[in-house]
Amino acid sequence: MQQFFLYIDPGSGSYLLQMIIAGILGVAFFFKNIVFTIKHFFHRIFGKKSKMP
């Protein structure tokens, strides 16, 4: 039976944490952009029409 000793140094751990946080924020901004685009589309179609003088 072989034994493997795995070691993750603090630099690798902080890099992994940074990648996880960046991924979560990237997904959040991606979906925020989609929601804004859909809202803008419907607001442009069904928004209030101003009267031309």
C-alpha atoms as a PDB file:
ATOM      1  CA  MET A   1       0.000   0.000   0.000  1.00  0.00           C
ATOM      2  CA  GLN A   2       1.360   3.400  -0.950  1.00  0.00           C
ATOM      3  CA  GLN A   3       1.016   6.449   1.224  1.00  0.00           C
ATOM      4  CA  PHE A   4       0.765   9.887  -0.278  1.00  0.00           C
ATOM      5  CA  PHE A   5       1.524  12.965   1.760  1.00  0.00           C
ATOM      6  CA  LEU A   6      -0.348  15.891   0.318  1.00  0.00           C
ATOM      7  CA  TYR A   7       0.594  19.414   1.255  1.00  0.00           C
ATOM      8  CA  ILE A   8      -1.078  22.639   0.212  1.00  0.00           C
ATOM      9  CA  ASP A   9       0.942  25.698   1.085  1.00  0.00           C
ATOM     10  CA  PRO A  10      -0.781  28.950   2.127  1.00  0.00           C
ATOM     11  CA  GLY A  11      -0.149  30.519  -1.284  1.00  0.00           C
ATOM     12  CA  SER A  12      -2.054  27.750  -3.054  1.00  0.00           C
ATOM     13  CA  GLY A  13      -4.877  27.950  -0.539  1.00  0.00           C
ATOM     14  CA  SER A  14      -5.274  31.692  -0.948  1.00  0.00           C
ATOM     15  CA  TYR A  15      -5.143  31.328  -4.737  1.00  0.00           C
ATOM     16  CA  LEU A  16      -7.876  28.690  -4.606  1.00  0.00           C
ATOM     17  CA  LEU A  17      -9.996  30.929  -2.372  1.00  0.00           C
ATOM     18  CA  GLN A  18      -9.455  33.865  -4.740  1.00  0.00           C
ATOM     19  CA  MET A  19     -10.546  31.756  -7.717  1.00  0.00           C
ATOM     20  CA  ILE A  20     -13.701  30.611  -5.916  1.00  0.00           C
ATOM     21  CA  ILE A  21     -14.642  34.182  -4.942  1.00  0.00           C
ATOM     22  CA  ALA A  22     -13.920  35.446  -8.470  1.00  0.00           C
ATOM     23  CA  GLY A  23     -16.085  32.688  -9.931  1.00  0.00           C
ATOM     24  CA  ILE A  24     -19.000  33.507  -7.640  1.00  0.00           C
ATOM     25  CA  LEU A  25     -18.758  37.233  -8.395  1.00  0.00           C
ATOM     26  CA  GLY A  26     -18.423  36.560 -12.118  1.00  0.00           C
ATOM     27  CA  VAL A  27     -21.599  34.471 -12.140  1.00  0.00           C
ATOM     28  CA  ALA A  28     -23.426  37.122 -10.089  1.00  0.00           C
ATOM     29  CA  PHE A  29     -22.484  39.936 -12.481  1.00  0.00           C
ATOM     30  CA  PHE A  30     -23.330  37.751 -15.486  1.00  0.00           C
ATOM     31  CA  PHE A  31     -26.873  37.110 -14.260  1.00  0.00           C
ATOM     32  CA  LYS A  32     -27.260  40.734 -13.155  1.00  0.00           C
ATOM     33  CA  ASN A  33     -26.455  41.792 -16.713  1.00  0.00           C
ATOM     34  CA  ILE A  34     -29.022  39.358 -18.126  1.00  0.00           C
ATOM     35  CA  VAL A  35     -31.726  40.632 -15.750  1.00  0.00           C
ATOM     36  CA  PHE A  36     -30.893  44.262 -16.632  1.00  0.00           C
ATOM     37  CA  THR A  37     -31.075  43.480 -20.359  1.00  0.00           C
ATOM     38  CA  ILE A  38     -34.474  41.807 -20.002  1.00  0.00           C
ATOM     39  CA  LYS A  39     -35.835  44.666 -17.851  1.00  0.00           C
ATOM     40  CA  HIS A  40     -34.540  47.242 -20.320  1.00  0.00           C
ATOM     41  CA  PHE A  41     -36.139  45.354 -23.221  1.00  0.00           C
ATOM     42  CA  PHE A  42     -39.577  45.246 -21.587  1.00  0.00           C
ATOM     43  CA  HIS A  43     -39.300  48.822 -20.354  1.00  0.00           C
ATOM     44  CA  ARG A  44     -38.563  49.948 -23.899  1.00  0.00           C
ATOM     45  CA  ILE A  45     -41.610  48.081 -25.214  1.00  0.00           C
ATOM     46  CA  PHE A  46     -44.142  48.735 -22.442  1.00  0.00           C
ATOM     47  CA  GLY A  47     -42.692  51.923 -20.924  1.00  0.00           C
ATOM     48  CA  LYS A  48     -44.583  55.173 -20.633  1.00  0.00           C
ATOM     49  CA  LYS A  49     -44.990  57.003 -23.881  1.00  0.00           C
ATOM     50  CA  SER A  50     -44.372  60.736 -23.630  1.00  0.00           C
ATOM     51  CA  LYS A  51     -46.531  63.072 -25.683  1.00  0.00           C
ATOM     52  CA  MET A  52     -44.794  65.032 -28.359  1.00  0.00           C
ATOM     53  CA  PRO A  53     -45.684  68.778 -28.109  1.00  0.00           C
END
